[in-house]
Amino acid sequence: MFKPDPAHFKNAKALGVEIKPSKTKGKKLDVFRDEKKVATIGDLKYNDYRSYIKKDGLEYANERKRLYRIRHGSDMNKVGTPSYFANKILWA
């Protein structure tokens, strides 16, 4: 089971949403707005920004973030989509 970093909770709060460990197999987090699930984000098989910082350091994490944003560029700008929430919560 994925344990969210305190920064994930801070990022979610800034967006006006709440996060909880996901009940969906293979996913990291469920995102809720007004107690209604709006997205499931993060694949357990892959690291995110905070896990890269802990594992490999800030410089490597920043490079992974840059590459993530290149791969998901257009999707993550659509407000309310899972890609949007993943970018704002897991990669900020």
N, C-alpha and C. Protein backbone atom coordinates (compact mmCIF):
# COMPACT_ATOMS: atom_id res chain seq x y z
N MET A 1 0.84 -1.19 0.00
CA MET A 1 0.00 0.00 0.00
C MET A 1 0.88 1.25 0.00
N PHE A 2 0.50 2.23 -0.77
CA PHE A 2 1.24 3.48 -0.90
C PHE A 2 0.95 4.38 0.29
N LYS A 3 2.00 4.94 0.86
CA LYS A 3 1.85 5.90 1.97
C LYS A 3 2.16 7.30 1.44
N PRO A 4 1.16 8.17 1.35
CA PRO A 4 1.39 9.51 0.82
C PRO A 4 2.38 10.30 1.68
N ASP A 5 3.17 11.12 1.04
CA ASP A 5 4.10 12.03 1.68
C ASP A 5 3.29 13.23 2.20
N PRO A 6 3.73 13.89 3.29
CA PRO A 6 3.01 15.09 3.75
C PRO A 6 2.86 16.15 2.66
N ALA A 7 3.81 16.24 1.75
CA ALA A 7 3.71 17.20 0.65
C ALA A 7 2.54 16.88 -0.27
N HIS A 8 2.21 15.60 -0.43
CA HIS A 8 1.06 15.23 -1.26
C HIS A 8 -0.23 15.79 -0.65
N PHE A 9 -0.36 15.70 0.67
CA PHE A 9 -1.55 16.24 1.34
C PHE A 9 -1.61 17.76 1.19
N LYS A 10 -0.45 18.42 1.32
CA LYS A 10 -0.39 19.88 1.16
C LYS A 10 -0.80 20.29 -0.25
N ASN A 11 -0.28 19.57 -1.24
CA ASN A 11 -0.61 19.88 -2.64
C ASN A 11 -2.10 19.68 -2.92
N ALA A 12 -2.66 18.61 -2.36
CA ALA A 12 -4.09 18.33 -2.55
C ALA A 12 -4.93 19.42 -1.91
N LYS A 13 -4.56 19.82 -0.71
CA LYS A 13 -5.31 20.86 -0.01
C LYS A 13 -5.32 22.17 -0.80
N ALA A 14 -4.19 22.50 -1.43
CA ALA A 14 -4.10 23.71 -2.24
C ALA A 14 -5.05 23.67 -3.44
N LEU A 15 -5.37 22.46 -3.90
CA LEU A 15 -6.31 22.29 -5.01
C LEU A 15 -7.76 22.19 -4.55
N GLY A 16 -7.96 22.12 -3.24
CA GLY A 16 -9.32 21.99 -2.70
C GLY A 16 -9.86 20.57 -2.77
N VAL A 17 -8.96 19.60 -2.77
CA VAL A 17 -9.36 18.19 -2.80
C VAL A 17 -8.73 17.45 -1.63
N GLU A 18 -9.22 16.25 -1.40
CA GLU A 18 -8.70 15.38 -0.35
C GLU A 18 -8.16 14.13 -1.02
N ILE A 19 -7.10 13.56 -0.47
CA ILE A 19 -6.55 12.31 -1.02
C ILE A 19 -6.55 11.21 0.04
N LYS A 20 -6.69 10.00 -0.46
CA LYS A 20 -6.62 8.81 0.39
C LYS A 20 -5.91 7.72 -0.41
N PRO A 21 -5.24 6.79 0.29
CA PRO A 21 -4.65 5.66 -0.45
C PRO A 21 -5.73 4.98 -1.30
N SER A 22 -5.37 4.64 -2.51
CA SER A 22 -6.35 4.11 -3.45
C SER A 22 -6.80 2.69 -3.10
N LYS A 23 -8.05 2.44 -3.37
CA LYS A 23 -8.61 1.10 -3.24
C LYS A 23 -8.58 0.37 -4.58
N THR A 24 -8.15 1.08 -5.62
CA THR A 24 -8.03 0.49 -6.95
C THR A 24 -6.69 -0.23 -7.04
N LYS A 25 -6.73 -1.47 -7.45
CA LYS A 25 -5.51 -2.27 -7.54
C LYS A 25 -4.49 -1.60 -8.46
N GLY A 26 -3.25 -1.48 -7.97
CA GLY A 26 -2.17 -0.94 -8.77
C GLY A 26 -2.08 0.58 -8.80
N LYS A 27 -2.95 1.29 -8.07
CA LYS A 27 -2.93 2.75 -8.07
C LYS A 27 -2.52 3.29 -6.70
N LYS A 28 -2.00 4.53 -6.69
CA LYS A 28 -1.49 5.14 -5.46
C LYS A 28 -2.56 5.87 -4.65
N LEU A 29 -3.27 6.77 -5.30
CA LEU A 29 -4.17 7.66 -4.58
C LEU A 29 -5.53 7.80 -5.25
N ASP A 30 -6.54 7.97 -4.41
CA ASP A 30 -7.86 8.38 -4.88
C ASP A 30 -8.02 9.85 -4.48
N VAL A 31 -8.57 10.64 -5.38
CA VAL A 31 -8.77 12.08 -5.17
C VAL A 31 -10.26 12.33 -5.00
N PHE A 32 -10.60 13.07 -3.93
CA PHE A 32 -12.01 13.35 -3.62
C PHE A 32 -12.24 14.84 -3.54
N ARG A 33 -13.40 15.26 -4.05
CA ARG A 33 -13.88 16.63 -3.89
C ARG A 33 -15.29 16.52 -3.34
N ASP A 34 -15.52 17.16 -2.21
CA ASP A 34 -16.83 17.10 -1.54
C ASP A 34 -17.26 15.65 -1.32
N GLU A 35 -16.32 14.83 -0.87
CA GLU A 35 -16.53 13.41 -0.56
C GLU A 35 -16.91 12.55 -1.76
N LYS A 36 -16.79 13.11 -2.96
CA LYS A 36 -17.05 12.34 -4.18
C LYS A 36 -15.72 12.08 -4.89
N LYS A 37 -15.47 10.83 -5.24
CA LYS A 37 -14.22 10.47 -5.92
C LYS A 37 -14.22 11.07 -7.32
N VAL A 38 -13.16 11.83 -7.62
CA VAL A 38 -13.05 12.48 -8.93
C VAL A 38 -11.93 11.91 -9.78
N ALA A 39 -10.98 11.20 -9.16
CA ALA A 39 -9.87 10.63 -9.93
C ALA A 39 -9.11 9.59 -9.12
N THR A 40 -8.45 8.71 -9.83
CA THR A 40 -7.50 7.77 -9.25
C THR A 40 -6.18 8.03 -9.96
N ILE A 41 -5.13 8.27 -9.18
CA ILE A 41 -3.86 8.69 -9.79
C ILE A 41 -2.68 7.86 -9.31
N GLY A 42 -1.64 7.84 -10.11
CA GLY A 42 -0.37 7.22 -9.76
C GLY A 42 -0.37 5.71 -9.86
N ASP A 43 0.54 5.18 -10.62
CA ASP A 43 0.71 3.74 -10.75
C ASP A 43 1.74 3.29 -9.72
N LEU A 44 1.42 2.24 -8.97
CA LEU A 44 2.33 1.75 -7.94
C LEU A 44 3.66 1.27 -8.49
N LYS A 45 3.70 0.93 -9.77
CA LYS A 45 4.93 0.42 -10.37
C LYS A 45 5.96 1.53 -10.61
N TYR A 46 5.53 2.79 -10.54
CA TYR A 46 6.42 3.90 -10.87
C TYR A 46 6.60 4.85 -9.69
N ASN A 47 7.76 5.47 -9.65
CA ASN A 47 8.03 6.47 -8.62
C ASN A 47 7.36 7.79 -8.99
N ASP A 48 7.30 8.69 -8.02
CA ASP A 48 6.84 10.05 -8.26
C ASP A 48 7.92 10.99 -7.75
N TYR A 49 7.67 12.28 -7.82
CA TYR A 49 8.69 13.28 -7.49
C TYR A 49 9.26 13.09 -6.09
N ARG A 50 8.41 12.94 -5.10
CA ARG A 50 8.87 12.78 -3.71
C ARG A 50 9.67 11.50 -3.51
N SER A 51 9.26 10.42 -4.13
CA SER A 51 10.01 9.17 -3.96
C SER A 51 11.36 9.25 -4.66
N TYR A 52 11.43 9.97 -5.79
CA TYR A 52 12.73 10.16 -6.44
C TYR A 52 13.65 11.02 -5.58
N ILE A 53 13.12 12.04 -4.92
CA ILE A 53 13.94 12.87 -4.04
C ILE A 53 14.54 12.01 -2.93
N LYS A 54 13.71 11.20 -2.29
CA LYS A 54 14.18 10.35 -1.19
C LYS A 54 15.19 9.31 -1.66
N LYS A 55 14.94 8.75 -2.81
CA LYS A 55 15.76 7.64 -3.31
C LYS A 55 17.05 8.10 -3.99
N ASP A 56 16.95 9.13 -4.86
CA ASP A 56 18.08 9.50 -5.72
C ASP A 56 18.53 10.95 -5.61
N GLY A 57 17.86 11.75 -4.80
CA GLY A 57 18.27 13.14 -4.63
C GLY A 57 17.48 14.11 -5.50
N LEU A 58 17.58 15.38 -5.14
CA LEU A 58 16.80 16.43 -5.78
C LEU A 58 17.14 16.63 -7.26
N GLU A 59 18.42 16.61 -7.59
CA GLU A 59 18.81 16.84 -8.98
C GLU A 59 18.21 15.78 -9.91
N TYR A 60 18.29 14.53 -9.52
CA TYR A 60 17.73 13.45 -10.33
C TYR A 60 16.20 13.56 -10.38
N ALA A 61 15.59 13.90 -9.25
CA ALA A 61 14.13 14.04 -9.19
C ALA A 61 13.66 15.15 -10.14
N ASN A 62 14.40 16.25 -10.18
CA ASN A 62 14.02 17.34 -11.08
C ASN A 62 14.11 16.93 -12.55
N GLU A 63 15.10 16.11 -12.88
CA GLU A 63 15.21 15.61 -14.25
C GLU A 63 14.04 14.68 -14.58
N ARG A 64 13.67 13.81 -13.65
CA ARG A 64 12.53 12.91 -13.85
C ARG A 64 11.23 13.71 -14.00
N LYS A 65 11.10 14.79 -13.23
CA LYS A 65 9.91 15.66 -13.33
C LYS A 65 9.85 16.30 -14.71
N ARG A 66 10.99 16.77 -15.20
CA ARG A 66 11.05 17.39 -16.53
C ARG A 66 10.61 16.39 -17.60
N LEU A 67 11.12 15.17 -17.50
CA LEU A 67 10.76 14.15 -18.49
C LEU A 67 9.28 13.74 -18.37
N TYR A 68 8.78 13.67 -17.14
CA TYR A 68 7.36 13.36 -16.92
C TYR A 68 6.49 14.41 -17.61
N ARG A 69 6.84 15.66 -17.43
CA ARG A 69 6.05 16.75 -18.02
C ARG A 69 6.12 16.76 -19.54
N ILE A 70 7.23 16.33 -20.09
CA ILE A 70 7.32 16.21 -21.55
C ILE A 70 6.37 15.11 -22.04
N ARG A 71 6.38 13.97 -21.37
CA ARG A 71 5.53 12.84 -21.77
C ARG A 71 4.04 13.14 -21.64
N HIS A 72 3.67 13.89 -20.60
CA HIS A 72 2.25 14.09 -20.30
C HIS A 72 1.80 15.53 -20.53
N GLY A 73 2.55 16.30 -21.28
CA GLY A 73 2.32 17.72 -21.47
C GLY A 73 0.89 18.17 -21.70
N SER A 74 0.26 17.69 -22.75
CA SER A 74 -1.07 18.22 -23.08
C SER A 74 -2.15 17.69 -22.14
N ASP A 75 -2.03 16.46 -21.68
CA ASP A 75 -3.05 15.88 -20.80
C ASP A 75 -3.11 16.56 -19.44
N MET A 76 -1.96 16.92 -18.90
CA MET A 76 -1.93 17.42 -17.53
C MET A 76 -2.44 18.86 -17.40
N ASN A 77 -2.73 19.51 -18.49
CA ASN A 77 -3.24 20.88 -18.44
C ASN A 77 -4.76 20.95 -18.43
N LYS A 78 -5.42 19.82 -18.60
CA LYS A 78 -6.89 19.79 -18.60
C LYS A 78 -7.38 19.64 -17.16
N VAL A 79 -7.86 20.74 -16.60
CA VAL A 79 -8.28 20.78 -15.19
C VAL A 79 -9.32 19.71 -14.90
N GLY A 80 -9.08 18.98 -13.80
CA GLY A 80 -10.03 17.96 -13.36
C GLY A 80 -9.74 16.56 -13.86
N THR A 81 -8.78 16.41 -14.77
CA THR A 81 -8.45 15.07 -15.27
C THR A 81 -7.48 14.38 -14.32
N PRO A 82 -7.41 13.06 -14.39
CA PRO A 82 -6.42 12.35 -13.55
C PRO A 82 -4.99 12.85 -13.80
N SER A 83 -4.65 13.15 -15.04
CA SER A 83 -3.31 13.67 -15.33
C SER A 83 -3.05 15.00 -14.65
N TYR A 84 -4.06 15.85 -14.63
CA TYR A 84 -3.96 17.14 -13.94
C TYR A 84 -3.67 16.93 -12.46
N PHE A 85 -4.45 16.07 -11.82
CA PHE A 85 -4.26 15.83 -10.39
C PHE A 85 -2.92 15.15 -10.11
N ALA A 86 -2.51 14.22 -10.95
CA ALA A 86 -1.21 13.56 -10.76
C ALA A 86 -0.09 14.59 -10.84
N ASN A 87 -0.15 15.47 -11.81
CA ASN A 87 0.87 16.51 -11.95
C ASN A 87 0.90 17.43 -10.74
N LYS A 88 -0.26 17.90 -10.30
CA LYS A 88 -0.33 18.86 -9.22
C LYS A 88 -0.09 18.25 -7.83
N ILE A 89 -0.37 16.95 -7.68
CA ILE A 89 -0.22 16.32 -6.35
C ILE A 89 1.07 15.49 -6.27
N LEU A 90 1.31 14.63 -7.23
CA LEU A 90 2.46 13.72 -7.17
C LEU A 90 3.74 14.32 -7.72
N TRP A 91 3.65 15.30 -8.59
CA TRP A 91 4.85 15.83 -9.26
C TRP A 91 5.15 17.28 -8.93
N ALA A 92 4.54 17.82 -7.90
CA ALA A 92 4.80 19.22 -7.50
C ALA A 92 5.77 19.28 -6.35
